[in-house]
Amino acid sequence: MKVHLKFFASVREQLGISSETLQLDDASISAFGVRQHLISRDAKWAAALSYEKVLRMAINQEMMHQDCILKDGDELAFFPPVTGG
């Protein structure tokens, strides 16, 4: 399954990227599961997506709860509660 990831504001700045496509073996993964997967990559990812940070997630440009299950081709965005233009 492919999920298109987007990163905004301070998350984008910390990671140094604004987007990527992630190939996952799990066909029923939640937004929180993707966050866990990304945190496990390395210290930079762990710092940017830390559970101690309040982050919002949107699936296909709709605010969603982190327990929502993603479908193939979905876009998952991560951003802090307040972002600027």
PDB file of N, CA and C in Angstrom:
ATOM      1  N   MET A   1       0.844  -1.165   0.000  1.00  0.00           N
ATOM      2  CA  MET A   1       0.000   0.000   0.000  1.00  0.00           C
ATOM      3  C   MET A   1       0.895   1.235   0.000  1.00  0.00           C
ATOM      4  N   LYS A   2       0.511   2.227  -0.787  1.00  0.00           N
ATOM      5  CA  LYS A   2       1.240   3.488  -0.837  1.00  0.00           C
ATOM      6  C   LYS A   2       0.445   4.569  -0.127  1.00  0.00           C
ATOM      7  N   VAL A   3       1.163   5.357   0.677  1.00  0.00           N
ATOM      8  CA  VAL A   3       0.577   6.503   1.359  1.00  0.00           C
ATOM      9  C   VAL A   3       1.450   7.711   1.032  1.00  0.00           C
ATOM     10  N   HIS A   4       0.810   8.797   0.662  1.00  0.00           N
ATOM     11  CA  HIS A   4       1.521  10.034   0.342  1.00  0.00           C
ATOM     12  C   HIS A   4       1.559  10.893   1.605  1.00  0.00           C
ATOM     13  N   LEU A   5       2.764  11.223   2.047  1.00  0.00           N
ATOM     14  CA  LEU A   5       2.940  11.984   3.273  1.00  0.00           C
ATOM     15  C   LEU A   5       3.287  13.431   2.953  1.00  0.00           C
ATOM     16  N   LYS A   6       2.729  14.336   3.756  1.00  0.00           N
ATOM     17  CA  LYS A   6       3.066  15.756   3.647  1.00  0.00           C
ATOM     18  C   LYS A   6       3.399  16.260   5.038  1.00  0.00           C
ATOM     19  N   PHE A   7       4.391  17.130   5.101  1.00  0.00           N
ATOM     20  CA  PHE A   7       4.856  17.688   6.360  1.00  0.00           C
ATOM     21  C   PHE A   7       4.822  19.204   6.261  1.00  0.00           C
ATOM     22  N   PHE A   8       4.284  19.848   7.294  1.00  0.00           N
ATOM     23  CA  PHE A   8       4.115  21.295   7.260  1.00  0.00           C
ATOM     24  C   PHE A   8       4.762  21.965   8.461  1.00  0.00           C
ATOM     25  N   ALA A   9       5.090  23.235   8.278  1.00  0.00           N
ATOM     26  CA  ALA A   9       5.584  24.133   9.317  1.00  0.00           C
ATOM     27  C   ALA A   9       6.822  23.546  10.012  1.00  0.00           C
ATOM     28  N   SER A  10       6.830  23.521  11.348  1.00  0.00           N
ATOM     29  CA  SER A  10       8.014  23.081  12.095  1.00  0.00           C
ATOM     30  C   SER A  10       8.369  21.624  11.817  1.00  0.00           C
ATOM     31  N   VAL A  11       7.391  20.796  11.503  1.00  0.00           N
ATOM     32  CA  VAL A  11       7.676  19.388  11.179  1.00  0.00           C
ATOM     33  C   VAL A  11       8.506  19.332   9.895  1.00  0.00           C
ATOM     34  N   ARG A  12       8.094  20.089   8.897  1.00  0.00           N
ATOM     35  CA  ARG A  12       8.839  20.152   7.625  1.00  0.00           C
ATOM     36  C   ARG A  12      10.246  20.684   7.861  1.00  0.00           C
ATOM     37  N   GLU A  13      10.361  21.725   8.679  1.00  0.00           N
ATOM     38  CA  GLU A  13      11.673  22.315   8.949  1.00  0.00           C
ATOM     39  C   GLU A  13      12.611  21.323   9.636  1.00  0.00           C
ATOM     40  N   GLN A  14      12.101  20.578  10.600  1.00  0.00           N
ATOM     41  CA  GLN A  14      12.934  19.604  11.311  1.00  0.00           C
ATOM     42  C   GLN A  14      13.364  18.450  10.417  1.00  0.00           C
ATOM     43  N   LEU A  15      12.455  17.999   9.556  1.00  0.00           N
ATOM     44  CA  LEU A  15      12.769  16.854   8.699  1.00  0.00           C
ATOM     45  C   LEU A  15      13.556  17.240   7.456  1.00  0.00           C
ATOM     46  N   GLY A  16      13.400  18.472   7.014  1.00  0.00           N
ATOM     47  CA  GLY A  16      14.084  18.915   5.812  1.00  0.00           C
ATOM     48  C   GLY A  16      13.426  18.442   4.529  1.00  0.00           C
ATOM     49  N   ILE A  17      12.197  17.945   4.629  1.00  0.00           N
ATOM     50  CA  ILE A  17      11.434  17.541   3.437  1.00  0.00           C
ATOM     51  C   ILE A  17       9.975  17.968   3.607  1.00  0.00           C
ATOM     52  N   SER A  18       9.305  18.168   2.509  1.00  0.00           N
ATOM     53  CA  SER A  18       7.895  18.558   2.581  1.00  0.00           C
ATOM     54  C   SER A  18       6.953  17.415   2.249  1.00  0.00           C
ATOM     55  N   SER A  19       7.470  16.389   1.570  1.00  0.00           N
ATOM     56  CA  SER A  19       6.598  15.266   1.221  1.00  0.00           C
ATOM     57  C   SER A  19       7.424  14.044   0.838  1.00  0.00           C
ATOM     58  N   GLU A  20       6.750  12.909   0.862  1.00  0.00           N
ATOM     59  CA  GLU A  20       7.337  11.654   0.380  1.00  0.00           C
ATOM     60  C   GLU A  20       6.210  10.639   0.192  1.00  0.00           C
ATOM     61  N   THR A  21       6.498   9.609  -0.570  1.00  0.00           N
ATOM     62  CA  THR A  21       5.564   8.502  -0.719  1.00  0.00           C
ATOM     63  C   THR A  21       6.138   7.319   0.031  1.00  0.00           C
ATOM     64  N   LEU A  22       5.292   6.731   0.872  1.00  0.00           N
ATOM     65  CA  LEU A  22       5.712   5.631   1.732  1.00  0.00           C
ATOM     66  C   LEU A  22       5.038   4.349   1.270  1.00  0.00           C
ATOM     67  N   GLN A  23       5.821   3.326   1.030  1.00  0.00           N
ATOM     68  CA  GLN A  23       5.308   1.997   0.674  1.00  0.00           C
ATOM     69  C   GLN A  23       5.225   1.171   1.947  1.00  0.00           C
ATOM     70  N   LEU A  24       4.040   0.667   2.265  1.00  0.00           N
ATOM     71  CA  LEU A  24       3.820  -0.111   3.485  1.00  0.00           C
ATOM     72  C   LEU A  24       3.328  -1.505   3.147  1.00  0.00           C
ATOM     73  N   ASP A  25       3.759  -2.480   3.928  1.00  0.00           N
ATOM     74  CA  ASP A  25       3.282  -3.850   3.748  1.00  0.00           C
ATOM     75  C   ASP A  25       1.914  -4.047   4.394  1.00  0.00           C
ATOM     76  N   ASP A  26       1.634  -3.272   5.427  1.00  0.00           N
ATOM     77  CA  ASP A  26       0.392  -3.396   6.191  1.00  0.00           C
ATOM     78  C   ASP A  26      -0.752  -2.718   5.437  1.00  0.00           C
ATOM     79  N   ALA A  27      -1.768  -3.472   5.056  1.00  0.00           N
ATOM     80  CA  ALA A  27      -2.901  -2.925   4.306  1.00  0.00           C
ATOM     81  C   ALA A  27      -3.951  -2.292   5.213  1.00  0.00           C
ATOM     82  N   SER A  28      -3.776  -2.366   6.524  1.00  0.00           N
ATOM     83  CA  SER A  28      -4.740  -1.739   7.443  1.00  0.00           C
ATOM     84  C   SER A  28      -3.985  -1.056   8.578  1.00  0.00           C
ATOM     85  N   ILE A  29      -3.352   0.055   8.251  1.00  0.00           N
ATOM     86  CA  ILE A  29      -2.570   0.794   9.238  1.00  0.00           C
ATOM     87  C   ILE A  29      -3.256   2.125   9.524  1.00  0.00           C
ATOM     88  N   SER A  30      -3.202   2.538  10.770  1.00  0.00           N
ATOM     89  CA  SER A  30      -3.814   3.804  11.167  1.00  0.00           C
ATOM     90  C   SER A  30      -2.816   4.943  10.967  1.00  0.00           C
ATOM     91  N   ALA A  31      -3.315   6.166  11.060  1.00  0.00           N
ATOM     92  CA  ALA A  31      -2.447   7.334  10.996  1.00  0.00           C
ATOM     93  C   ALA A  31      -1.416   7.262  12.127  1.00  0.00           C
ATOM     94  N   PHE A  32      -1.839   6.829  13.305  1.00  0.00           N
ATOM     95  CA  PHE A  32      -0.925   6.674  14.434  1.00  0.00           C
ATOM     96  C   PHE A  32       0.137   5.609  14.127  1.00  0.00           C
ATOM     97  N   GLY A  33      -0.248   4.541  13.471  1.00  0.00           N
ATOM     98  CA  GLY A  33       0.694   3.500  13.078  1.00  0.00           C
ATOM     99  C   GLY A  33       1.760   4.023  12.131  1.00  0.00           C
ATOM    100  N   VAL A  34       1.365   4.894  11.207  1.00  0.00           N
ATOM    101  CA  VAL A  34       2.343   5.500  10.304  1.00  0.00           C
ATOM    102  C   VAL A  34       3.288   6.383  11.103  1.00  0.00           C
ATOM    103  N   ARG A  35       2.738   7.146  12.042  1.00  0.00           N
ATOM    104  CA  ARG A  35       3.583   7.990  12.892  1.00  0.00           C
ATOM    105  C   ARG A  35       4.603   7.128  13.648  1.00  0.00           C
ATOM    106  N   GLN A  36       4.156   6.017  14.210  1.00  0.00           N
ATOM    107  CA  GLN A  36       5.066   5.099  14.914  1.00  0.00           C
ATOM    108  C   GLN A  36       6.163   4.603  13.976  1.00  0.00           C
ATOM    109  N   HIS A  37       5.760   4.218  12.778  1.00  0.00           N
ATOM    110  CA  HIS A  37       6.718   3.718  11.780  1.00  0.00           C
ATOM    111  C   HIS A  37       7.775   4.779  11.471  1.00  0.00           C
ATOM    112  N   LEU A  38       7.344   6.011  11.275  1.00  0.00           N
ATOM    113  CA  LEU A  38       8.276   7.080  10.946  1.00  0.00           C
ATOM    114  C   LEU A  38       9.201   7.412  12.114  1.00  0.00           C
ATOM    115  N   ILE A  39       8.666   7.411  13.332  1.00  0.00           N
ATOM    116  CA  ILE A  39       9.476   7.686  14.523  1.00  0.00           C
ATOM    117  C   ILE A  39      10.602   6.667  14.666  1.00  0.00           C
ATOM    118  N   SER A  40      10.341   5.433  14.241  1.00  0.00           N
ATOM    119  CA  SER A  40      11.347   4.371  14.392  1.00  0.00           C
ATOM    120  C   SER A  40      12.502   4.498  13.391  1.00  0.00           C
ATOM    121  N   ARG A  41      12.404   5.402  12.438  1.00  0.00           N
ATOM    122  CA  ARG A  41      13.474   5.539  11.432  1.00  0.00           C
ATOM    123  C   ARG A  41      14.809   5.945  12.050  1.00  0.00           C
ATOM    124  N   ASP A  42      14.808   7.066  12.774  1.00  0.00           N
ATOM    125  CA  ASP A  42      16.030   7.538  13.421  1.00  0.00           C
ATOM    126  C   ASP A  42      15.696   8.700  14.354  1.00  0.00           C
ATOM    127  N   ALA A  43      16.728   9.274  14.982  1.00  0.00           N
ATOM    128  CA  ALA A  43      16.534  10.314  15.993  1.00  0.00           C
ATOM    129  C   ALA A  43      15.882  11.577  15.425  1.00  0.00           C
ATOM    130  N   LYS A  44      16.223  11.927  14.191  1.00  0.00           N
ATOM    131  CA  LYS A  44      15.631  13.122  13.573  1.00  0.00           C
ATOM    132  C   LYS A  44      14.126  12.957  13.442  1.00  0.00           C
ATOM    133  N   TRP A  45      13.687  11.811  12.962  1.00  0.00           N
ATOM    134  CA  TRP A  45      12.256  11.537  12.809  1.00  0.00           C
ATOM    135  C   TRP A  45      11.580  11.443  14.169  1.00  0.00           C
ATOM    136  N   ALA A  46      12.253  10.822  15.124  1.00  0.00           N
ATOM    137  CA  ALA A  46      11.698  10.702  16.473  1.00  0.00           C
ATOM    138  C   ALA A  46      11.485  12.074  17.100  1.00  0.00           C
ATOM    139  N   ALA A  47      12.424  12.986  16.888  1.00  0.00           N
ATOM    140  CA  ALA A  47      12.293  14.336  17.443  1.00  0.00           C
ATOM    141  C   ALA A  47      11.167  15.113  16.766  1.00  0.00           C
ATOM    142  N   ALA A  48      11.073  15.016  15.462  1.00  0.00           N
ATOM    143  CA  ALA A  48      10.073  15.782  14.716  1.00  0.00           C
ATOM    144  C   ALA A  48       8.650  15.315  14.989  1.00  0.00           C
ATOM    145  N   LEU A  49       8.479  14.004  15.188  1.00  0.00           N
ATOM    146  CA  LEU A  49       7.127  13.440  15.348  1.00  0.00           C
ATOM    147  C   LEU A  49       6.880  12.896  16.752  1.00  0.00           C
ATOM    148  N   SER A  50       7.690  13.320  17.700  1.00  0.00           N
ATOM    149  CA  SER A  50       7.607  12.846  19.084  1.00  0.00           C
ATOM    150  C   SER A  50       6.177  12.865  19.621  1.00  0.00           C
ATOM    151  N   TYR A  51       5.856  11.869  20.428  1.00  0.00           N
ATOM    152  CA  TYR A  51       4.532  11.797  21.054  1.00  0.00           C
ATOM    153  C   TYR A  51       4.331  12.926  22.053  1.00  0.00           C
ATOM    154  N   GLU A  52       5.417  13.533  22.514  1.00  0.00           N
ATOM    155  CA  GLU A  52       5.317  14.653  23.446  1.00  0.00           C
ATOM    156  C   GLU A  52       4.826  15.920  22.757  1.00  0.00           C
ATOM    157  N   LYS A  53       4.914  15.946  21.439  1.00  0.00           N
ATOM    158  CA  LYS A  53       4.454  17.105  20.667  1.00  0.00           C
ATOM    159  C   LYS A  53       2.992  16.921  20.290  1.00  0.00           C
ATOM    160  N   VAL A  54       2.273  18.009  20.358  1.00  0.00           N
ATOM    161  CA  VAL A  54       0.903  17.978  19.865  1.00  0.00           C
ATOM    162  C   VAL A  54       0.978  18.189  18.361  1.00  0.00           C
ATOM    163  N   LEU A  55       0.587  17.173  17.618  1.00  0.00           N
ATOM    164  CA  LEU A  55       0.563  17.269  16.155  1.00  0.00           C
ATOM    165  C   LEU A  55      -0.827  16.955  15.659  1.00  0.00           C
ATOM    166  N   ARG A  56      -1.223  17.637  14.629  1.00  0.00           N
ATOM    167  CA  ARG A  56      -2.493  17.357  13.968  1.00  0.00           C
ATOM    168  C   ARG A  56      -2.195  16.470  12.761  1.00  0.00           C
ATOM    169  N   MET A  57      -3.191  15.664  12.394  1.00  0.00           N
ATOM    170  CA  MET A  57      -3.067  14.822  11.218  1.00  0.00           C
ATOM    171  C   MET A  57      -4.323  14.989  10.370  1.00  0.00           C
ATOM    172  N   ALA A  58      -4.113  15.044   9.083  1.00  0.00           N
ATOM    173  CA  ALA A  58      -5.234  15.135   8.155  1.00  0.00           C
ATOM    174  C   ALA A  58      -5.069  14.034   7.115  1.00  0.00           C
ATOM    175  N   ILE A  59      -6.175  13.393   6.795  1.00  0.00           N
ATOM    176  CA  ILE A  59      -6.183  12.381   5.749  1.00  0.00           C
ATOM    177  C   ILE A  59      -6.992  12.941   4.593  1.00  0.00           C
ATOM    178  N   ASN A  60      -6.349  13.031   3.445  1.00  0.00           N
ATOM    179  CA  ASN A  60      -6.976  13.588   2.247  1.00  0.00           C
ATOM    180  C   ASN A  60      -7.593  14.961   2.532  1.00  0.00           C
ATOM    181  N   GLN A  61      -6.830  15.786   3.243  1.00  0.00           N
ATOM    182  CA  GLN A  61      -7.144  17.171   3.559  1.00  0.00           C
ATOM    183  C   GLN A  61      -8.327  17.339   4.511  1.00  0.00           C
ATOM    184  N   GLU A  62      -8.648  16.302   5.276  1.00  0.00           N
ATOM    185  CA  GLU A  62      -9.672  16.373   6.309  1.00  0.00           C
ATOM    186  C   GLU A  62      -9.059  16.009   7.643  1.00  0.00           C
ATOM    187  N   MET A  63      -9.293  16.842   8.640  1.00  0.00           N
ATOM    188  CA  MET A  63      -8.800  16.532   9.977  1.00  0.00           C
ATOM    189  C   MET A  63      -9.390  15.206  10.419  1.00  0.00           C
ATOM    190  N   MET A  64      -8.531  14.337  10.912  1.00  0.00           N
ATOM    191  CA  MET A  64      -8.968  13.009  11.318  1.00  0.00           C
ATOM    192  C   MET A  64      -8.343  12.631  12.647  1.00  0.00           C
ATOM    193  N   HIS A  65      -8.960  11.691  13.321  1.00  0.00           N
ATOM    194  CA  HIS A  65      -8.408  11.138  14.544  1.00  0.00           C
ATOM    195  C   HIS A  65      -7.276  10.194  14.159  1.00  0.00           C
ATOM    196  N   GLN A  66      -6.295  10.071  15.023  1.00  0.00           N
ATOM    197  CA  GLN A  66      -5.127   9.252  14.719  1.00  0.00           C
ATOM    198  C   GLN A  66      -5.431   7.762  14.569  1.00  0.00           C
ATOM    199  N   ASP A  67      -6.605   7.325  15.011  1.00  0.00           N
ATOM    200  CA  ASP A  67      -6.973   5.912  14.884  1.00  0.00           C
ATOM    201  C   ASP A  67      -7.585   5.562  13.530  1.00  0.00           C
ATOM    202  N   CYS A  68      -7.799   6.565  12.674  1.00  0.00           N
ATOM    203  CA  CYS A  68      -8.397   6.307  11.360  1.00  0.00           C
ATOM    204  C   CYS A  68      -7.473   5.426  10.519  1.00  0.00           C
ATOM    205  N   ILE A  69      -8.077   4.455   9.867  1.00  0.00           N
ATOM    206  CA  ILE A  69      -7.325   3.525   9.015  1.00  0.00           C
ATOM    207  C   ILE A  69      -7.141   4.139   7.631  1.00  0.00           C
ATOM    208  N   LEU A  70      -5.920   4.056   7.136  1.00  0.00           N
ATOM    209  CA  LEU A  70      -5.604   4.592   5.816  1.00  0.00           C
ATOM    210  C   LEU A  70      -5.909   3.576   4.731  1.00  0.00           C
ATOM    211  N   LYS A  71      -6.177   4.105   3.538  1.00  0.00           N
ATOM    212  CA  LYS A  71      -6.384   3.270   2.358  1.00  0.00           C
ATOM    213  C   LYS A  71      -5.273   3.561   1.355  1.00  0.00           C
ATOM    214  N   ASP A  72      -5.065   2.630   0.448  1.00  0.00           N
ATOM    215  CA  ASP A  72      -4.063   2.795  -0.590  1.00  0.00           C
ATOM    216  C   ASP A  72      -4.291   4.108  -1.330  1.00  0.00           C
ATOM    217  N   GLY A  73      -3.229   4.901  -1.450  1.00  0.00           N
ATOM    218  CA  GLY A  73      -3.293   6.159  -2.180  1.00  0.00           C
ATOM    219  C   GLY A  73      -3.683   7.362  -1.332  1.00  0.00           C
ATOM    220  N   ASP A  74      -4.001   7.157  -0.057  1.00  0.00           N
ATOM    221  CA  ASP A  74      -4.369   8.277   0.812  1.00  0.00           C
ATOM    222  C   ASP A  74      -3.189   9.217   1.011  1.00  0.00           C
ATOM    223  N   GLU A  75      -3.531  10.472   1.304  1.00  0.00           N
ATOM    224  CA  GLU A  75      -2.548  11.472   1.681  1.00  0.00           C
ATOM    225  C   GLU A  75      -2.674  11.710   3.181  1.00  0.00           C
ATOM    226  N   LEU A  76      -1.568  11.625   3.888  1.00  0.00           N
ATOM    227  CA  LEU A  76      -1.534  11.861   5.326  1.00  0.00           C
ATOM    228  C   LEU A  76      -0.619  13.041   5.585  1.00  0.00           C
ATOM    229  N   ALA A  77      -1.172  14.078   6.206  1.00  0.00           N
ATOM    230  CA  ALA A  77      -0.406  15.288   6.501  1.00  0.00           C
ATOM    231  C   ALA A  77      -0.187  15.419   7.998  1.00  0.00           C
ATOM    232  N   PHE A  78       1.005  15.883   8.365  1.00  0.00           N
ATOM    233  CA  PHE A  78       1.365  16.137   9.763  1.00  0.00           C
ATOM    234  C   PHE A  78       1.680  17.614   9.900  1.00  0.00           C
ATOM    235  N   PHE A  79       1.129  18.253  10.948  1.00  0.00           N
ATOM    236  CA  PHE A  79       1.408  19.665  11.173  1.00  0.00           C
ATOM    237  C   PHE A  79       1.093  20.043  12.616  1.00  0.00           C
ATOM    238  N   PRO A  80       1.764  21.088  13.114  1.00  0.00           N
ATOM    239  CA  PRO A  80       1.479  21.543  14.469  1.00  0.00           C
ATOM    240  C   PRO A  80       0.094  22.201  14.503  1.00  0.00           C
ATOM    241  N   PRO A  81      -0.459  22.396  15.710  1.00  0.00           N
ATOM    242  CA  PRO A  81      -1.798  22.966  15.826  1.00  0.00           C
ATOM    243  C   PRO A  81      -1.975  24.335  15.172  1.00  0.00           C
ATOM    244  N   VAL A  82      -0.909  25.124  15.128  1.00  0.00           N
ATOM    245  CA  VAL A  82      -0.982  26.452  14.523  1.00  0.00           C
ATOM    246  C   VAL A  82       0.107  26.544  13.488  1.00  0.00           C
ATOM    247  N   THR A  83      -0.284  26.898  12.259  1.00  0.00           N
ATOM    248  CA  THR A  83       0.702  27.077  11.203  1.00  0.00           C
ATOM    249  C   THR A  83       0.498  28.445  10.570  1.00  0.00           C
ATOM    250  N   GLY A  84       1.543  28.974  10.009  1.00  0.00           N
ATOM    251  CA  GLY A  84       1.473  30.279   9.357  1.00  0.00           C
ATOM    252  C   GLY A  84       1.459  30.137   7.850  1.00  0.00           C
ATOM    253  N   GLY A  85       1.286  31.230   7.180  1.00  0.00           N
ATOM    254  CA  GLY A  85       1.171  31.246   5.727  1.00  0.00           C
ATOM    255  C   GLY A  85       2.434  31.367   5.006  1.00  0.00           C
TER     256      GLY A  85
END
